N, C-alpha and C. Protein backbone atom coordinates (compact mmCIF):
# COMPACT_ATOMS: atom_id res chain seq x y z
N UNK A 1 25.36 -30.08 -1.48
CA UNK A 1 25.64 -28.90 -0.65
C UNK A 1 27.11 -28.52 -0.79
N UNK A 2 27.36 -27.26 -1.16
CA UNK A 2 28.72 -26.74 -1.25
C UNK A 2 29.12 -26.26 0.14
N UNK A 3 29.84 -27.10 0.86
CA UNK A 3 30.10 -26.89 2.28
C UNK A 3 31.58 -26.69 2.55
N UNK A 4 31.91 -25.60 3.25
CA UNK A 4 33.27 -25.35 3.71
C UNK A 4 33.25 -25.27 5.23
N UNK A 5 34.12 -26.04 5.87
CA UNK A 5 34.14 -26.11 7.33
C UNK A 5 35.43 -25.48 7.85
N UNK A 6 35.31 -24.65 8.87
CA UNK A 6 36.44 -23.94 9.46
C UNK A 6 36.55 -24.26 10.94
N UNK A 7 37.77 -24.13 11.46
CA UNK A 7 38.01 -24.47 12.86
C UNK A 7 37.44 -23.44 13.81
N UNK A 8 37.29 -22.21 13.34
CA UNK A 8 36.80 -21.15 14.23
C UNK A 8 36.15 -20.04 13.41
N UNK A 9 35.48 -19.15 14.12
CA UNK A 9 34.73 -18.07 13.47
C UNK A 9 35.65 -17.08 12.78
N UNK A 10 36.84 -16.87 13.31
CA UNK A 10 37.78 -15.93 12.69
C UNK A 10 38.17 -16.40 11.29
N UNK A 11 38.49 -17.68 11.17
CA UNK A 11 38.85 -18.22 9.85
C UNK A 11 37.67 -18.14 8.89
N UNK A 12 36.50 -18.49 9.40
CA UNK A 12 35.29 -18.39 8.57
C UNK A 12 35.09 -16.96 8.08
N UNK A 13 35.27 -16.00 8.97
CA UNK A 13 35.00 -14.60 8.64
C UNK A 13 35.93 -14.09 7.56
N UNK A 14 37.21 -14.44 7.65
CA UNK A 14 38.16 -14.02 6.62
C UNK A 14 37.83 -14.67 5.27
N UNK A 15 37.50 -15.96 5.30
CA UNK A 15 37.18 -16.66 4.06
C UNK A 15 35.90 -16.12 3.42
N UNK A 16 34.90 -15.83 4.24
CA UNK A 16 33.65 -15.31 3.71
C UNK A 16 33.84 -13.91 3.13
N UNK A 17 34.63 -13.08 3.78
CA UNK A 17 34.89 -11.74 3.26
C UNK A 17 35.59 -11.82 1.91
N UNK A 18 36.57 -12.71 1.79
CA UNK A 18 37.25 -12.89 0.51
C UNK A 18 36.27 -13.36 -0.57
N UNK A 19 35.38 -14.27 -0.19
CA UNK A 19 34.42 -14.80 -1.16
C UNK A 19 33.48 -13.70 -1.66
N UNK A 20 33.05 -12.82 -0.76
CA UNK A 20 32.19 -11.71 -1.18
C UNK A 20 32.92 -10.81 -2.16
N UNK A 21 34.17 -10.48 -1.84
CA UNK A 21 34.96 -9.60 -2.72
C UNK A 21 35.18 -10.25 -4.09
N UNK A 22 35.51 -11.52 -4.09
CA UNK A 22 35.81 -12.21 -5.35
C UNK A 22 34.56 -12.52 -6.17
N UNK A 23 33.39 -12.47 -5.54
CA UNK A 23 32.15 -12.77 -6.26
C UNK A 23 31.84 -11.73 -7.32
N UNK A 24 32.33 -10.52 -7.12
CA UNK A 24 32.03 -9.44 -8.05
C UNK A 24 30.58 -8.97 -8.00
N UNK A 25 29.86 -9.34 -6.95
CA UNK A 25 28.44 -9.00 -6.84
C UNK A 25 28.25 -7.49 -6.75
N UNK A 26 27.24 -6.98 -7.44
CA UNK A 26 26.91 -5.55 -7.40
C UNK A 26 25.64 -5.29 -6.61
N UNK A 27 24.86 -6.32 -6.33
CA UNK A 27 23.70 -6.20 -5.45
C UNK A 27 23.82 -7.29 -4.40
N UNK A 28 23.95 -6.88 -3.15
CA UNK A 28 24.24 -7.81 -2.06
C UNK A 28 23.27 -7.60 -0.92
N UNK A 29 22.60 -8.66 -0.50
CA UNK A 29 21.69 -8.61 0.63
C UNK A 29 22.42 -9.12 1.87
N UNK A 30 22.26 -8.40 2.97
CA UNK A 30 23.04 -8.63 4.18
C UNK A 30 22.19 -9.21 5.30
N UNK A 31 22.71 -10.24 5.94
CA UNK A 31 22.02 -10.85 7.06
C UNK A 31 22.42 -10.19 8.38
N UNK A 32 21.57 -10.34 9.36
CA UNK A 32 21.87 -9.85 10.70
C UNK A 32 22.38 -10.96 11.58
N UNK A 33 22.22 -10.79 12.89
CA UNK A 33 22.68 -11.80 13.83
C UNK A 33 24.12 -11.59 14.26
N UNK A 34 24.63 -12.50 15.08
CA UNK A 34 25.97 -12.34 15.64
C UNK A 34 27.07 -12.93 14.76
N UNK A 35 26.78 -14.00 14.03
CA UNK A 35 27.83 -14.68 13.26
C UNK A 35 28.52 -13.79 12.24
N UNK A 36 27.81 -12.94 11.48
CA UNK A 36 28.50 -12.18 10.43
C UNK A 36 29.23 -10.93 10.91
N UNK A 37 29.15 -10.59 12.19
CA UNK A 37 29.73 -9.32 12.64
C UNK A 37 31.22 -9.21 12.30
N UNK A 38 31.99 -10.24 12.62
CA UNK A 38 33.43 -10.18 12.36
C UNK A 38 33.70 -10.13 10.86
N UNK A 39 32.96 -10.87 10.08
CA UNK A 39 33.13 -10.82 8.63
C UNK A 39 32.86 -9.41 8.11
N UNK A 40 31.84 -8.74 8.64
CA UNK A 40 31.54 -7.38 8.22
C UNK A 40 32.68 -6.43 8.57
N UNK A 41 33.27 -6.60 9.75
CA UNK A 41 34.40 -5.75 10.13
C UNK A 41 35.55 -5.90 9.14
N UNK A 42 35.83 -7.14 8.75
CA UNK A 42 36.91 -7.41 7.80
C UNK A 42 36.58 -6.85 6.43
N UNK A 43 35.38 -7.14 5.95
CA UNK A 43 34.96 -6.68 4.63
C UNK A 43 34.93 -5.16 4.56
N UNK A 44 34.59 -4.52 5.67
CA UNK A 44 34.50 -3.07 5.70
C UNK A 44 35.83 -2.38 5.48
N UNK A 45 36.93 -3.10 5.66
CA UNK A 45 38.26 -2.51 5.43
C UNK A 45 38.53 -2.30 3.95
N UNK A 46 37.85 -3.04 3.10
CA UNK A 46 38.03 -2.89 1.65
C UNK A 46 36.67 -3.02 0.97
N UNK A 47 35.76 -2.15 1.38
CA UNK A 47 34.37 -2.24 0.96
C UNK A 47 34.25 -2.03 -0.55
N UNK A 48 33.59 -2.98 -1.25
CA UNK A 48 33.40 -2.81 -2.70
C UNK A 48 32.61 -1.54 -3.00
N UNK A 49 32.97 -0.86 -4.08
CA UNK A 49 32.28 0.36 -4.47
C UNK A 49 31.16 0.04 -5.46
N UNK A 50 30.27 0.99 -5.62
CA UNK A 50 29.16 0.87 -6.59
C UNK A 50 28.32 -0.38 -6.37
N UNK A 51 28.11 -0.70 -5.10
CA UNK A 51 27.27 -1.84 -4.74
C UNK A 51 25.97 -1.34 -4.14
N UNK A 52 24.87 -1.97 -4.50
CA UNK A 52 23.60 -1.74 -3.81
C UNK A 52 23.50 -2.76 -2.69
N UNK A 53 23.41 -2.26 -1.46
CA UNK A 53 23.32 -3.12 -0.27
C UNK A 53 21.88 -3.16 0.20
N UNK A 54 21.41 -4.35 0.53
CA UNK A 54 20.02 -4.55 0.93
C UNK A 54 20.00 -5.36 2.23
N UNK A 55 19.16 -4.98 3.15
CA UNK A 55 19.02 -5.75 4.39
C UNK A 55 18.06 -6.91 4.15
N UNK A 56 18.48 -8.10 4.58
CA UNK A 56 17.65 -9.30 4.39
C UNK A 56 16.40 -9.26 5.27
N UNK A 57 16.58 -8.94 6.55
CA UNK A 57 15.42 -8.90 7.43
C UNK A 57 15.75 -8.07 8.66
N UNK A 58 14.70 -7.72 9.41
CA UNK A 58 14.88 -6.87 10.58
C UNK A 58 13.91 -7.23 11.68
N UNK A 59 14.40 -7.23 12.90
CA UNK A 59 13.51 -7.29 14.06
C UNK A 59 12.79 -5.95 14.15
N UNK A 60 11.53 -5.99 14.57
CA UNK A 60 10.79 -4.72 14.60
C UNK A 60 11.09 -3.98 15.90
N UNK A 61 12.26 -3.37 15.90
CA UNK A 61 12.75 -2.60 17.04
C UNK A 61 13.26 -1.25 16.52
N UNK A 62 13.41 -0.25 17.38
CA UNK A 62 13.97 1.03 16.94
C UNK A 62 15.39 0.85 16.42
N UNK A 63 15.81 1.79 15.57
CA UNK A 63 17.14 1.71 14.96
C UNK A 63 18.25 1.73 16.00
N UNK A 64 18.01 2.39 17.13
CA UNK A 64 19.05 2.46 18.16
C UNK A 64 18.97 1.32 19.17
N UNK A 65 18.10 0.34 18.91
CA UNK A 65 17.99 -0.83 19.78
C UNK A 65 19.19 -1.74 19.55
N UNK A 66 19.76 -2.35 20.61
CA UNK A 66 20.91 -3.24 20.44
C UNK A 66 20.64 -4.42 19.51
N UNK A 67 19.37 -4.77 19.30
CA UNK A 67 19.04 -5.91 18.46
C UNK A 67 18.75 -5.52 17.01
N UNK A 68 18.92 -4.27 16.66
CA UNK A 68 18.67 -3.83 15.28
C UNK A 68 19.74 -4.38 14.34
N UNK A 69 19.31 -5.11 13.32
CA UNK A 69 20.26 -5.62 12.34
C UNK A 69 20.91 -4.49 11.54
N UNK A 70 20.09 -3.51 11.13
CA UNK A 70 20.63 -2.40 10.34
C UNK A 70 21.70 -1.64 11.11
N UNK A 71 21.44 -1.39 12.38
CA UNK A 71 22.41 -0.65 13.19
C UNK A 71 23.70 -1.44 13.36
N UNK A 72 23.58 -2.76 13.56
CA UNK A 72 24.78 -3.59 13.68
C UNK A 72 25.63 -3.51 12.42
N UNK A 73 24.98 -3.58 11.26
CA UNK A 73 25.70 -3.53 10.00
C UNK A 73 26.37 -2.16 9.81
N UNK A 74 25.69 -1.11 10.21
CA UNK A 74 26.26 0.23 10.07
C UNK A 74 27.46 0.42 11.00
N UNK A 75 27.46 -0.26 12.15
CA UNK A 75 28.60 -0.15 13.08
C UNK A 75 29.80 -0.96 12.61
N UNK A 76 29.58 -1.97 11.79
CA UNK A 76 30.65 -2.89 11.41
C UNK A 76 31.04 -2.72 9.93
N UNK A 77 30.21 -3.18 9.06
CA UNK A 77 30.50 -3.11 7.63
C UNK A 77 30.65 -1.67 7.14
N UNK A 78 29.78 -0.78 7.64
CA UNK A 78 29.76 0.60 7.16
C UNK A 78 30.38 1.57 8.16
N UNK A 79 31.31 1.09 8.97
CA UNK A 79 31.90 1.92 10.01
C UNK A 79 32.60 3.15 9.44
N UNK A 80 33.08 3.07 8.21
CA UNK A 80 33.79 4.20 7.59
C UNK A 80 32.87 5.14 6.84
N UNK A 81 31.58 4.81 6.83
CA UNK A 81 30.63 5.68 6.15
C UNK A 81 29.50 4.88 5.52
N UNK A 82 28.29 5.39 5.63
CA UNK A 82 27.12 4.72 5.07
C UNK A 82 27.14 4.90 3.55
N UNK A 83 27.04 3.82 2.78
CA UNK A 83 27.05 3.95 1.32
C UNK A 83 25.78 4.61 0.81
N UNK A 84 25.86 5.10 -0.41
CA UNK A 84 24.71 5.79 -1.01
C UNK A 84 23.54 4.84 -1.22
N UNK A 85 23.82 3.61 -1.59
CA UNK A 85 22.77 2.65 -1.89
C UNK A 85 22.67 1.64 -0.75
N UNK A 86 21.86 1.94 0.24
CA UNK A 86 21.68 1.09 1.42
C UNK A 86 20.20 1.05 1.73
N UNK A 87 19.56 -0.06 1.36
CA UNK A 87 18.12 -0.21 1.51
C UNK A 87 17.82 -1.08 2.72
N UNK A 88 17.23 -0.46 3.74
CA UNK A 88 16.86 -1.21 4.93
C UNK A 88 15.44 -0.83 5.35
N UNK A 89 14.98 -1.47 6.40
CA UNK A 89 13.58 -1.33 6.81
C UNK A 89 13.40 -0.18 7.80
N UNK A 90 12.41 0.66 7.55
CA UNK A 90 12.13 1.81 8.41
C UNK A 90 11.15 1.42 9.52
N UNK A 91 11.70 0.99 10.64
CA UNK A 91 10.84 0.56 11.74
C UNK A 91 10.29 1.73 12.55
N UNK A 92 10.72 2.96 12.23
CA UNK A 92 10.20 4.12 12.94
C UNK A 92 8.72 4.36 12.62
N UNK A 93 8.21 3.69 11.59
CA UNK A 93 6.80 3.84 11.24
C UNK A 93 5.88 3.21 12.28
N UNK A 94 6.43 2.30 13.09
CA UNK A 94 5.64 1.61 14.12
C UNK A 94 4.43 0.89 13.52
N UNK A 95 4.62 0.35 12.33
CA UNK A 95 3.55 -0.34 11.61
C UNK A 95 4.23 -1.34 10.66
N UNK A 96 4.35 -2.61 11.06
CA UNK A 96 5.09 -3.57 10.24
C UNK A 96 4.62 -3.67 8.79
N UNK A 97 3.30 -3.76 8.52
CA UNK A 97 2.89 -3.82 7.11
C UNK A 97 3.30 -2.57 6.33
N UNK A 98 3.18 -1.40 6.96
CA UNK A 98 3.57 -0.16 6.28
C UNK A 98 5.08 -0.14 6.01
N UNK A 99 5.85 -0.68 6.94
CA UNK A 99 7.30 -0.74 6.76
C UNK A 99 7.66 -1.61 5.56
N UNK A 100 7.01 -2.78 5.46
CA UNK A 100 7.28 -3.67 4.34
C UNK A 100 6.88 -3.00 3.02
N UNK A 101 5.75 -2.30 3.01
CA UNK A 101 5.30 -1.62 1.80
C UNK A 101 6.27 -0.51 1.39
N UNK A 102 6.75 0.26 2.37
CA UNK A 102 7.69 1.33 2.07
C UNK A 102 8.97 0.76 1.47
N UNK A 103 9.45 -0.34 2.04
CA UNK A 103 10.64 -1.01 1.52
C UNK A 103 10.43 -1.38 0.06
N UNK A 104 9.26 -1.90 -0.25
CA UNK A 104 8.97 -2.32 -1.62
C UNK A 104 8.93 -1.13 -2.58
N UNK A 105 8.44 0.01 -2.13
CA UNK A 105 8.38 1.18 -3.00
C UNK A 105 9.78 1.71 -3.30
N UNK A 106 10.73 1.45 -2.40
CA UNK A 106 12.11 1.90 -2.61
C UNK A 106 12.93 0.91 -3.42
N UNK A 107 12.39 -0.26 -3.64
CA UNK A 107 13.09 -1.32 -4.37
C UNK A 107 13.04 -1.01 -5.87
N UNK A 108 14.18 -0.71 -6.45
CA UNK A 108 14.21 -0.37 -7.87
C UNK A 108 15.10 -1.31 -8.67
N UNK A 109 15.39 -2.48 -8.11
CA UNK A 109 16.21 -3.46 -8.82
C UNK A 109 15.37 -4.16 -9.88
N UNK A 110 15.90 -4.26 -11.07
CA UNK A 110 15.17 -4.90 -12.16
C UNK A 110 15.66 -6.32 -12.43
N UNK A 111 16.73 -6.71 -11.77
CA UNK A 111 17.29 -8.05 -11.91
C UNK A 111 17.36 -8.72 -10.55
N UNK A 112 17.43 -10.05 -10.49
CA UNK A 112 17.60 -10.72 -9.20
C UNK A 112 18.87 -10.27 -8.50
N UNK A 113 18.87 -10.37 -7.19
CA UNK A 113 20.06 -10.05 -6.41
C UNK A 113 21.23 -10.93 -6.85
N UNK A 114 22.43 -10.36 -6.85
CA UNK A 114 23.61 -11.14 -7.18
C UNK A 114 23.98 -12.09 -6.05
N UNK A 115 23.88 -11.61 -4.82
CA UNK A 115 24.34 -12.38 -3.66
C UNK A 115 23.47 -12.09 -2.47
N UNK A 116 23.06 -13.14 -1.77
CA UNK A 116 22.32 -13.00 -0.52
C UNK A 116 23.09 -13.72 0.58
N UNK A 117 23.44 -12.99 1.64
CA UNK A 117 24.06 -13.59 2.82
C UNK A 117 22.95 -13.98 3.78
N UNK A 118 23.05 -15.18 4.33
CA UNK A 118 22.01 -15.71 5.21
C UNK A 118 22.63 -16.34 6.45
N UNK A 119 21.84 -16.44 7.49
CA UNK A 119 22.17 -17.25 8.65
C UNK A 119 21.19 -18.41 8.71
N UNK A 120 21.31 -19.19 9.76
CA UNK A 120 20.38 -20.31 9.95
C UNK A 120 20.16 -20.50 11.44
N UNK A 121 18.90 -20.68 11.83
CA UNK A 121 18.57 -20.90 13.23
C UNK A 121 18.46 -22.38 13.55
N UNK A 122 18.48 -22.69 14.81
CA UNK A 122 18.39 -24.09 15.24
C UNK A 122 17.05 -24.71 14.87
N UNK A 123 16.04 -23.87 14.61
CA UNK A 123 14.72 -24.37 14.19
C UNK A 123 14.59 -24.43 12.68
N UNK A 124 15.68 -24.14 11.97
CA UNK A 124 15.66 -24.21 10.52
C UNK A 124 15.20 -22.95 9.82
N UNK A 125 15.04 -21.85 10.57
CA UNK A 125 14.64 -20.61 9.91
C UNK A 125 15.85 -19.93 9.29
N UNK A 126 15.60 -19.10 8.30
CA UNK A 126 16.61 -18.22 7.74
C UNK A 126 15.91 -16.92 7.40
N UNK A 127 16.68 -15.80 7.39
CA UNK A 127 16.05 -14.48 7.34
C UNK A 127 14.99 -14.46 8.45
N UNK A 128 13.80 -13.94 8.19
CA UNK A 128 12.71 -14.08 9.16
C UNK A 128 11.64 -15.01 8.61
N UNK A 129 12.11 -16.04 7.93
CA UNK A 129 11.24 -17.08 7.39
C UNK A 129 11.22 -18.23 8.38
N UNK A 130 10.32 -18.15 9.34
CA UNK A 130 10.25 -19.13 10.43
C UNK A 130 9.28 -20.25 10.09
N UNK A 131 9.55 -21.44 10.62
CA UNK A 131 8.63 -22.55 10.38
C UNK A 131 7.20 -22.20 10.82
N UNK A 132 6.24 -22.66 10.04
CA UNK A 132 4.82 -22.54 10.38
C UNK A 132 4.34 -21.10 10.50
N UNK A 133 4.94 -20.19 9.75
CA UNK A 133 4.44 -18.82 9.70
C UNK A 133 3.95 -18.53 8.28
N UNK A 134 2.93 -17.70 8.14
CA UNK A 134 2.33 -17.47 6.82
C UNK A 134 3.25 -16.81 5.81
N UNK A 135 4.32 -16.18 6.28
CA UNK A 135 5.23 -15.50 5.35
C UNK A 135 5.88 -16.49 4.39
N UNK A 136 5.94 -17.76 4.78
CA UNK A 136 6.54 -18.78 3.90
C UNK A 136 5.79 -18.92 2.59
N UNK A 137 4.52 -18.55 2.59
CA UNK A 137 3.69 -18.72 1.39
C UNK A 137 3.46 -17.41 0.64
N UNK A 138 4.11 -16.34 1.07
CA UNK A 138 3.93 -15.05 0.39
C UNK A 138 4.62 -15.10 -0.97
N UNK A 139 3.89 -14.72 -2.00
CA UNK A 139 4.42 -14.72 -3.36
C UNK A 139 4.06 -13.38 -4.01
N UNK A 140 4.82 -12.98 -5.01
CA UNK A 140 4.52 -11.75 -5.72
C UNK A 140 4.88 -10.49 -4.97
N UNK A 141 5.63 -10.63 -3.91
CA UNK A 141 6.07 -9.46 -3.14
C UNK A 141 7.58 -9.54 -2.89
N UNK A 142 8.20 -8.39 -2.72
CA UNK A 142 9.62 -8.32 -2.40
C UNK A 142 9.85 -8.52 -0.91
N UNK A 143 9.00 -7.90 -0.10
CA UNK A 143 9.17 -7.95 1.35
C UNK A 143 7.82 -8.15 2.02
N UNK A 144 7.87 -8.62 3.25
CA UNK A 144 6.62 -8.85 3.98
C UNK A 144 6.87 -8.74 5.48
N UNK A 145 5.84 -8.36 6.19
CA UNK A 145 5.86 -8.42 7.64
C UNK A 145 5.52 -9.84 8.09
N UNK A 146 5.96 -10.21 9.28
CA UNK A 146 5.61 -11.52 9.83
C UNK A 146 5.65 -11.44 11.35
N UNK A 147 4.63 -12.01 11.98
CA UNK A 147 4.62 -12.13 13.44
C UNK A 147 5.10 -13.53 13.80
N UNK A 148 6.08 -13.61 14.69
CA UNK A 148 6.66 -14.89 15.10
C UNK A 148 6.15 -15.20 16.52
N UNK A 149 5.15 -16.07 16.64
CA UNK A 149 4.56 -16.33 17.97
C UNK A 149 5.56 -16.81 19.00
N UNK A 150 6.49 -17.66 18.60
CA UNK A 150 7.46 -18.19 19.56
C UNK A 150 8.29 -17.09 20.21
N UNK A 151 8.55 -16.05 19.45
CA UNK A 151 9.35 -14.93 19.96
C UNK A 151 8.49 -13.77 20.46
N UNK A 152 7.18 -13.86 20.19
CA UNK A 152 6.26 -12.77 20.50
C UNK A 152 6.79 -11.47 19.92
N UNK A 153 7.12 -11.51 18.63
CA UNK A 153 7.81 -10.39 18.00
C UNK A 153 7.41 -10.27 16.53
N UNK A 154 7.24 -9.02 16.09
CA UNK A 154 7.06 -8.73 14.68
C UNK A 154 8.43 -8.60 14.01
N UNK A 155 8.51 -9.02 12.76
CA UNK A 155 9.70 -8.83 11.95
C UNK A 155 9.28 -8.44 10.53
N UNK A 156 10.24 -7.97 9.76
CA UNK A 156 10.04 -7.69 8.34
C UNK A 156 11.19 -8.37 7.60
N UNK A 157 10.89 -8.87 6.40
CA UNK A 157 11.87 -9.73 5.75
C UNK A 157 11.71 -9.73 4.23
N UNK A 158 12.81 -10.00 3.52
CA UNK A 158 12.70 -10.37 2.12
C UNK A 158 11.89 -11.65 2.04
N UNK A 159 11.16 -11.83 0.98
CA UNK A 159 10.34 -13.02 0.83
C UNK A 159 11.14 -14.19 0.26
N UNK A 160 10.58 -15.36 0.40
CA UNK A 160 11.22 -16.57 -0.10
C UNK A 160 11.53 -16.49 -1.60
N UNK A 161 10.59 -16.04 -2.46
CA UNK A 161 10.91 -15.98 -3.88
C UNK A 161 12.10 -15.08 -4.21
N UNK A 162 12.26 -13.98 -3.50
CA UNK A 162 13.38 -13.06 -3.75
C UNK A 162 14.69 -13.73 -3.39
N UNK A 163 14.73 -14.42 -2.27
CA UNK A 163 15.96 -15.10 -1.85
C UNK A 163 16.29 -16.25 -2.79
N UNK A 164 15.28 -17.01 -3.17
CA UNK A 164 15.50 -18.15 -4.08
C UNK A 164 15.94 -17.71 -5.47
N UNK A 165 15.50 -16.52 -5.89
CA UNK A 165 15.83 -16.04 -7.23
C UNK A 165 17.24 -15.49 -7.34
N UNK A 166 17.89 -15.22 -6.21
CA UNK A 166 19.24 -14.65 -6.25
C UNK A 166 20.19 -15.58 -7.00
N UNK A 167 21.21 -14.98 -7.60
CA UNK A 167 22.17 -15.78 -8.36
C UNK A 167 23.01 -16.67 -7.45
N UNK A 168 23.28 -16.20 -6.23
CA UNK A 168 24.11 -16.96 -5.28
C UNK A 168 23.67 -16.64 -3.87
N UNK A 169 23.71 -17.67 -2.99
CA UNK A 169 23.45 -17.50 -1.57
C UNK A 169 24.68 -17.99 -0.79
N UNK A 170 25.02 -17.30 0.29
CA UNK A 170 26.06 -17.74 1.22
C UNK A 170 25.45 -17.84 2.61
N UNK A 171 25.50 -19.03 3.20
CA UNK A 171 24.99 -19.23 4.56
C UNK A 171 26.17 -19.28 5.51
N UNK A 172 26.14 -18.44 6.55
CA UNK A 172 27.17 -18.40 7.57
C UNK A 172 26.60 -19.00 8.85
N UNK A 173 27.27 -20.01 9.39
CA UNK A 173 26.79 -20.68 10.60
C UNK A 173 27.96 -21.00 11.50
N UNK A 174 27.79 -20.78 12.79
CA UNK A 174 28.88 -20.99 13.73
C UNK A 174 28.38 -21.66 15.01
N UNK A 175 29.15 -22.63 15.50
CA UNK A 175 28.85 -23.26 16.77
C UNK A 175 28.23 -24.64 16.63
N UNK A 176 28.45 -25.49 17.63
CA UNK A 176 27.95 -26.87 17.57
C UNK A 176 26.43 -26.98 17.56
N UNK A 177 25.73 -25.95 18.03
CA UNK A 177 24.27 -26.02 18.05
C UNK A 177 23.68 -26.01 16.65
N UNK A 178 24.46 -25.58 15.66
CA UNK A 178 23.96 -25.53 14.29
C UNK A 178 24.19 -26.84 13.53
N UNK A 179 25.01 -27.73 14.09
CA UNK A 179 25.33 -28.98 13.39
C UNK A 179 24.10 -29.81 13.05
N UNK A 180 23.17 -30.02 13.99
CA UNK A 180 22.00 -30.86 13.65
C UNK A 180 21.16 -30.30 12.51
N UNK A 181 20.95 -28.98 12.49
CA UNK A 181 20.11 -28.43 11.43
C UNK A 181 20.82 -28.48 10.09
N UNK A 182 22.13 -28.29 10.08
CA UNK A 182 22.88 -28.39 8.82
C UNK A 182 22.82 -29.81 8.28
N UNK A 183 22.94 -30.78 9.15
CA UNK A 183 22.84 -32.18 8.72
C UNK A 183 21.44 -32.47 8.20
N UNK A 184 20.44 -31.90 8.85
CA UNK A 184 19.06 -32.10 8.40
C UNK A 184 18.85 -31.50 7.01
N UNK A 185 19.43 -30.33 6.77
CA UNK A 185 19.33 -29.72 5.45
C UNK A 185 19.99 -30.61 4.40
N UNK A 186 21.13 -31.18 4.74
CA UNK A 186 21.83 -32.09 3.81
C UNK A 186 20.95 -33.28 3.46
N UNK A 187 20.10 -33.68 4.40
CA UNK A 187 19.22 -34.82 4.18
C UNK A 187 17.89 -34.41 3.54
N UNK A 188 17.72 -33.12 3.30
CA UNK A 188 16.52 -32.65 2.62
C UNK A 188 15.32 -32.40 3.50
N UNK A 189 15.52 -32.28 4.83
CA UNK A 189 14.40 -31.98 5.71
C UNK A 189 13.78 -30.63 5.31
N UNK A 190 12.47 -30.56 5.31
CA UNK A 190 11.76 -29.39 4.78
C UNK A 190 11.73 -28.23 5.78
N UNK A 191 12.89 -27.66 6.02
CA UNK A 191 13.00 -26.43 6.81
C UNK A 191 12.89 -25.23 5.86
N UNK A 192 12.55 -24.05 6.38
CA UNK A 192 12.59 -22.85 5.54
C UNK A 192 13.95 -22.64 4.88
N UNK A 193 15.04 -22.88 5.62
CA UNK A 193 16.36 -22.68 5.03
C UNK A 193 16.63 -23.66 3.90
N UNK A 194 16.05 -24.86 3.97
CA UNK A 194 16.20 -25.83 2.89
C UNK A 194 15.55 -25.31 1.62
N UNK A 195 14.35 -24.77 1.76
CA UNK A 195 13.66 -24.22 0.60
C UNK A 195 14.40 -23.01 0.03
N UNK A 196 14.90 -22.16 0.92
CA UNK A 196 15.53 -20.91 0.48
C UNK A 196 16.85 -21.15 -0.24
N UNK A 197 17.51 -22.28 0.03
CA UNK A 197 18.85 -22.52 -0.51
C UNK A 197 18.86 -23.64 -1.55
N UNK A 198 17.74 -23.80 -2.25
CA UNK A 198 17.68 -24.87 -3.24
C UNK A 198 18.52 -24.57 -4.48
N UNK A 199 18.82 -23.27 -4.71
CA UNK A 199 19.70 -22.91 -5.82
C UNK A 199 21.16 -22.96 -5.40
N UNK A 200 22.02 -22.33 -6.18
CA UNK A 200 23.46 -22.34 -5.89
C UNK A 200 23.72 -21.65 -4.54
N UNK A 201 24.27 -22.40 -3.61
CA UNK A 201 24.48 -21.89 -2.25
C UNK A 201 25.82 -22.39 -1.71
N UNK A 202 26.56 -21.47 -1.10
CA UNK A 202 27.80 -21.84 -0.42
C UNK A 202 27.54 -21.78 1.08
N UNK A 203 27.92 -22.84 1.77
CA UNK A 203 27.80 -22.90 3.22
C UNK A 203 29.17 -22.72 3.87
N UNK A 204 29.30 -21.73 4.74
CA UNK A 204 30.53 -21.49 5.51
C UNK A 204 30.21 -21.80 6.97
N UNK A 205 30.81 -22.85 7.49
CA UNK A 205 30.44 -23.34 8.82
C UNK A 205 31.67 -23.42 9.71
N UNK A 206 31.57 -22.85 10.90
CA UNK A 206 32.63 -22.94 11.90
C UNK A 206 32.18 -23.88 13.01
N UNK A 207 33.03 -24.82 13.35
CA UNK A 207 32.67 -25.83 14.34
C UNK A 207 32.78 -25.27 15.76
């Protein structure tokens, strides 16, 4: 595991933003959640040009909902303007399978993603790849809908094969509650995040 540990989220955010810039990635998938917000604000000050940006996953909520990943990214990373190439999930369809299908029709990348940013949950999920959900076994698709019983919520997400095929993954994790799952991943426990990060992956962790 390529692991970098930081004393606080601010240090992690600056380091992660620098890593994204230095990666030279031209296709970048973006994670939601609270941890990457500060990194997006920093990265947005010197946003790379000619990049195709892709949303990793989305809660099935309206775009103006406070929990919308796409809206959070547009307020932070894209605060100075929405880029031309920004592929996210259209939840206004009110039909999760149709949303996933529409996302796939808009996907015109012929090569694996250069970089995928990910988070990790205390249950070992990443993106919307939750333990014991059928989406873990989806193959041959770019995106899929998934119902998460524990949350009583529909989501849409990039599939495991797409994330695993990326040239590089960066996992951002913050807080002591994430320590047990990170240690479990180091030991090879079969969490979704363990499977998703079997290739070259950088872990940025704030204690």
